[in-house]
N, C-alpha and C. Protein backbone atom coordinates (compact mmCIF):
# COMPACT_ATOMS: atom_id res chain seq x y z
N MET A 1 107.60 152.17 78.97
CA MET A 1 108.28 151.62 80.14
C MET A 1 108.09 152.59 81.30
N SER A 2 107.69 152.06 82.43
CA SER A 2 107.44 152.91 83.59
C SER A 2 108.75 153.38 84.20
N LEU A 3 108.63 154.40 85.03
CA LEU A 3 109.80 154.92 85.75
C LEU A 3 110.42 153.82 86.61
N ALA A 4 109.57 153.01 87.25
CA ALA A 4 110.08 151.91 88.07
C ALA A 4 110.84 150.90 87.22
N SER A 5 110.33 150.65 86.01
CA SER A 5 111.01 149.71 85.12
C SER A 5 112.38 150.24 84.72
N ARG A 6 112.40 151.54 84.41
CA ARG A 6 113.69 152.13 84.02
C ARG A 6 114.67 152.08 85.16
N SER A 7 114.22 152.36 86.37
CA SER A 7 115.14 152.32 87.50
C SER A 7 115.54 150.88 87.82
N ALA A 8 114.66 149.94 87.52
CA ALA A 8 114.97 148.53 87.78
C ALA A 8 116.13 148.06 86.91
N ILE A 9 116.23 148.59 85.71
CA ILE A 9 117.32 148.16 84.84
C ILE A 9 118.50 149.12 84.87
N GLU A 10 118.38 150.18 85.67
CA GLU A 10 119.49 151.11 85.83
C GLU A 10 120.68 150.33 86.35
N GLY A 11 121.83 150.65 85.88
CA GLY A 11 123.00 149.92 86.32
C GLY A 11 123.40 148.82 85.35
N TRP A 12 122.55 148.55 84.39
CA TRP A 12 122.93 147.57 83.38
C TRP A 12 123.90 148.19 82.39
N GLY A 13 124.09 149.51 82.52
CA GLY A 13 125.06 150.21 81.68
C GLY A 13 124.73 150.09 80.22
N GLU A 14 125.68 149.64 79.47
CA GLU A 14 125.54 149.56 78.02
C GLU A 14 125.00 148.22 77.55
N ALA A 15 124.34 147.48 78.43
CA ALA A 15 123.81 146.18 78.05
C ALA A 15 122.88 146.32 76.85
N ARG A 16 123.15 145.58 75.82
CA ARG A 16 122.36 145.66 74.60
C ARG A 16 121.46 144.43 74.44
N TYR A 17 121.77 143.35 75.11
CA TYR A 17 120.97 142.14 75.07
C TYR A 17 121.22 141.37 76.35
N ALA A 18 120.37 140.39 76.61
CA ALA A 18 120.40 139.68 77.89
C ALA A 18 121.75 139.05 78.19
N GLY A 19 122.54 138.73 77.17
CA GLY A 19 123.85 138.13 77.40
C GLY A 19 124.81 139.05 78.11
N ASP A 20 124.50 140.35 78.15
CA ASP A 20 125.36 141.30 78.82
C ASP A 20 125.08 141.42 80.31
N VAL A 21 124.04 140.79 80.79
CA VAL A 21 123.69 140.85 82.20
C VAL A 21 123.51 139.43 82.73
N SER A 22 123.74 139.28 84.00
CA SER A 22 123.61 137.94 84.59
C SER A 22 122.16 137.66 84.96
N ALA A 23 121.86 136.41 85.18
CA ALA A 23 120.53 136.03 85.62
C ALA A 23 120.21 136.69 86.96
N ALA A 24 121.22 136.78 87.83
CA ALA A 24 121.00 137.42 89.14
C ALA A 24 120.59 138.88 88.97
N GLN A 25 121.21 139.59 88.02
CA GLN A 25 120.85 140.99 87.76
C GLN A 25 119.42 141.09 87.23
N ILE A 26 119.06 140.18 86.36
CA ILE A 26 117.70 140.20 85.81
C ILE A 26 116.69 139.93 86.92
N ILE A 27 116.98 138.96 87.76
CA ILE A 27 116.08 138.63 88.87
C ILE A 27 115.93 139.81 89.81
N GLU A 28 117.03 140.47 90.13
CA GLU A 28 116.95 141.64 91.01
C GLU A 28 116.13 142.75 90.36
N ALA A 29 116.28 142.94 89.05
CA ALA A 29 115.49 143.95 88.34
C ALA A 29 114.01 143.59 88.38
N ILE A 30 113.70 142.32 88.20
CA ILE A 30 112.30 141.88 88.24
C ILE A 30 111.70 142.17 89.61
N LYS A 31 112.47 141.92 90.67
CA LYS A 31 111.98 142.18 92.02
C LYS A 31 111.62 143.64 92.23
N LYS A 32 112.27 144.54 91.51
CA LYS A 32 112.03 145.98 91.68
C LYS A 32 110.86 146.49 90.83
N LEU A 33 110.33 145.66 89.95
CA LEU A 33 109.23 146.09 89.10
C LEU A 33 107.95 146.25 89.90
N PRO A 34 107.05 147.11 89.42
CA PRO A 34 105.74 147.19 90.07
C PRO A 34 104.98 145.88 89.85
N PRO A 35 104.04 145.57 90.75
CA PRO A 35 103.34 144.28 90.69
C PRO A 35 102.76 143.94 89.32
N GLU A 36 102.13 144.90 88.64
CA GLU A 36 101.51 144.60 87.35
C GLU A 36 102.55 144.19 86.30
N GLU A 37 103.75 144.74 86.39
CA GLU A 37 104.79 144.36 85.43
C GLU A 37 105.42 143.02 85.81
N ARG A 38 105.49 142.72 87.11
CA ARG A 38 105.97 141.39 87.53
C ARG A 38 105.02 140.32 87.04
N VAL A 39 103.72 140.61 87.02
CA VAL A 39 102.73 139.67 86.50
C VAL A 39 103.03 139.36 85.04
N GLU A 40 103.39 140.39 84.27
CA GLU A 40 103.73 140.17 82.86
C GLU A 40 104.94 139.25 82.73
N VAL A 41 105.92 139.42 83.60
CA VAL A 41 107.12 138.58 83.56
C VAL A 41 106.74 137.13 83.88
N VAL A 42 105.90 136.94 84.90
CA VAL A 42 105.46 135.58 85.27
C VAL A 42 104.69 134.94 84.12
N GLN A 43 103.81 135.71 83.48
CA GLN A 43 103.06 135.16 82.35
C GLN A 43 104.00 134.75 81.23
N PHE A 44 105.00 135.57 80.95
CA PHE A 44 105.98 135.23 79.93
C PHE A 44 106.69 133.93 80.29
N ALA A 45 107.14 133.83 81.54
CA ALA A 45 107.88 132.64 81.97
C ALA A 45 107.03 131.39 81.84
N ARG A 46 105.75 131.50 82.16
CA ARG A 46 104.86 130.33 82.04
C ARG A 46 104.64 129.95 80.59
N GLU A 47 104.59 130.95 79.72
CA GLU A 47 104.34 130.68 78.30
C GLU A 47 105.60 130.20 77.58
N TYR A 48 106.77 130.55 78.14
CA TYR A 48 108.02 130.15 77.50
C TYR A 48 108.11 128.64 77.58
N GLU A 49 108.03 128.03 76.46
CA GLU A 49 107.85 126.59 76.36
C GLU A 49 109.12 125.81 76.67
N THR A 50 108.95 124.75 77.41
CA THR A 50 110.03 123.77 77.56
C THR A 50 109.70 122.60 76.65
N VAL A 51 110.72 121.92 76.22
CA VAL A 51 110.53 120.76 75.36
C VAL A 51 111.31 119.59 75.97
N PRO A 52 110.89 118.38 75.68
CA PRO A 52 111.61 117.24 76.25
C PRO A 52 113.04 117.16 75.71
N ARG A 53 113.96 116.83 76.59
CA ARG A 53 115.33 116.61 76.13
C ARG A 53 115.39 115.31 75.35
N LEU A 54 116.23 115.31 74.34
CA LEU A 54 116.38 114.11 73.52
C LEU A 54 117.50 113.24 74.07
N SER A 55 117.37 111.96 73.84
CA SER A 55 118.41 111.01 74.27
C SER A 55 119.63 111.19 73.37
N PRO A 56 120.78 110.69 73.82
CA PRO A 56 121.97 110.74 72.96
C PRO A 56 121.73 110.08 71.60
N GLU A 57 120.97 109.00 71.60
CA GLU A 57 120.68 108.31 70.34
C GLU A 57 119.85 109.19 69.42
N GLN A 58 118.83 109.83 69.98
CA GLN A 58 117.97 110.72 69.18
C GLN A 58 118.78 111.91 68.65
N LEU A 59 119.64 112.45 69.50
CA LEU A 59 120.48 113.57 69.06
C LEU A 59 121.42 113.12 67.94
N GLY A 60 121.93 111.89 68.05
CA GLY A 60 122.81 111.35 67.01
C GLY A 60 122.10 111.21 65.68
N VAL A 61 120.87 110.73 65.71
CA VAL A 61 120.08 110.58 64.48
C VAL A 61 119.85 111.96 63.85
N LEU A 62 119.48 112.93 64.68
CA LEU A 62 119.27 114.28 64.15
C LEU A 62 120.56 114.86 63.59
N GLY A 63 121.68 114.60 64.27
CA GLY A 63 122.98 115.08 63.80
C GLY A 63 123.33 114.50 62.44
N GLU A 64 123.05 113.22 62.26
CA GLU A 64 123.31 112.58 60.96
C GLU A 64 122.43 113.17 59.87
N ARG A 65 121.14 113.36 60.21
CA ARG A 65 120.23 113.96 59.23
C ARG A 65 120.70 115.36 58.86
N LEU A 66 121.16 116.11 59.87
CA LEU A 66 121.65 117.46 59.62
C LEU A 66 122.89 117.43 58.72
N ALA A 67 123.79 116.51 58.99
CA ALA A 67 125.02 116.41 58.19
C ALA A 67 124.73 116.08 56.74
N ASN A 68 123.64 115.36 56.48
CA ASN A 68 123.31 114.94 55.12
C ASN A 68 122.31 115.87 54.43
N ALA A 69 121.76 116.81 55.14
CA ALA A 69 120.73 117.70 54.57
C ALA A 69 121.36 118.70 53.61
N THR A 70 120.60 119.03 52.57
CA THR A 70 121.06 120.02 51.60
C THR A 70 120.09 121.18 51.46
N ASP A 71 118.84 120.98 51.83
CA ASP A 71 117.82 122.01 51.73
C ASP A 71 117.98 123.00 52.90
N PRO A 72 118.16 124.31 52.62
CA PRO A 72 118.35 125.29 53.70
C PRO A 72 117.22 125.32 54.72
N ALA A 73 115.98 125.14 54.29
CA ALA A 73 114.85 125.14 55.22
C ALA A 73 114.92 123.92 56.14
N GLU A 74 115.27 122.77 55.56
CA GLU A 74 115.40 121.55 56.37
C GLU A 74 116.56 121.68 57.35
N ILE A 75 117.66 122.25 56.89
CA ILE A 75 118.82 122.45 57.76
C ILE A 75 118.45 123.33 58.95
N ALA A 76 117.75 124.43 58.68
CA ALA A 76 117.35 125.35 59.75
C ALA A 76 116.43 124.65 60.75
N GLU A 77 115.49 123.87 60.25
CA GLU A 77 114.56 123.16 61.14
C GLU A 77 115.29 122.09 61.96
N LEU A 78 116.20 121.37 61.33
CA LEU A 78 116.96 120.35 62.06
C LEU A 78 117.85 120.98 63.13
N GLU A 79 118.47 122.11 62.81
CA GLU A 79 119.31 122.80 63.79
C GLU A 79 118.48 123.23 65.00
N LYS A 80 117.30 123.78 64.73
CA LYS A 80 116.42 124.22 65.81
C LYS A 80 115.97 123.02 66.65
N THR A 81 115.58 121.94 66.01
CA THR A 81 115.13 120.75 66.72
C THR A 81 116.26 120.17 67.56
N LEU A 82 117.46 120.16 67.01
CA LEU A 82 118.63 119.64 67.72
C LEU A 82 118.93 120.49 68.96
N MET A 83 118.92 121.80 68.81
CA MET A 83 119.17 122.70 69.94
C MET A 83 118.09 122.56 71.00
N ASN A 84 116.83 122.56 70.57
CA ASN A 84 115.73 122.42 71.52
C ASN A 84 115.85 121.11 72.30
N GLY A 85 116.12 120.03 71.60
CA GLY A 85 116.22 118.72 72.23
C GLY A 85 117.44 118.57 73.11
N PHE A 86 118.51 119.27 72.78
CA PHE A 86 119.71 119.20 73.59
C PHE A 86 119.54 119.96 74.89
N TYR A 87 119.01 121.20 74.80
CA TYR A 87 118.89 122.05 75.98
C TYR A 87 117.58 121.85 76.74
N GLY A 88 116.55 121.31 76.09
CA GLY A 88 115.28 121.10 76.76
C GLY A 88 114.46 122.36 76.91
N ILE A 89 114.80 123.38 76.13
CA ILE A 89 114.01 124.61 76.11
C ILE A 89 113.74 125.01 74.68
N LYS A 90 112.68 125.76 74.48
CA LYS A 90 112.35 126.20 73.14
C LYS A 90 113.28 127.34 72.75
N ILE A 91 114.02 127.12 71.68
CA ILE A 91 114.92 128.13 71.15
C ILE A 91 114.39 128.49 69.77
N ASP A 92 114.09 129.75 69.58
CA ASP A 92 113.50 130.18 68.31
C ASP A 92 114.52 130.62 67.28
N ALA A 93 115.77 130.43 67.55
CA ALA A 93 116.82 130.90 66.64
C ALA A 93 116.76 130.25 65.30
């Protein structure tokens, strides 16, 4: 991490994960990065996949399948699909 990067996140205090800082703080830190590191952030943002939001009906069908699932792998996949479809962003959790 460059000196500029370290100073860009200075002030985040004891932040251990992104939930400890606001989007505005992250954006301000990005603005302070050197150009080559800002390019990396832009590339990440472009690669971060969005997914189509699901309709209430589609979410309901997934919810029913999830409620009836017994296989842990299927449950994990259904939970991920449900979250992705609800929020419209790729969640890898």
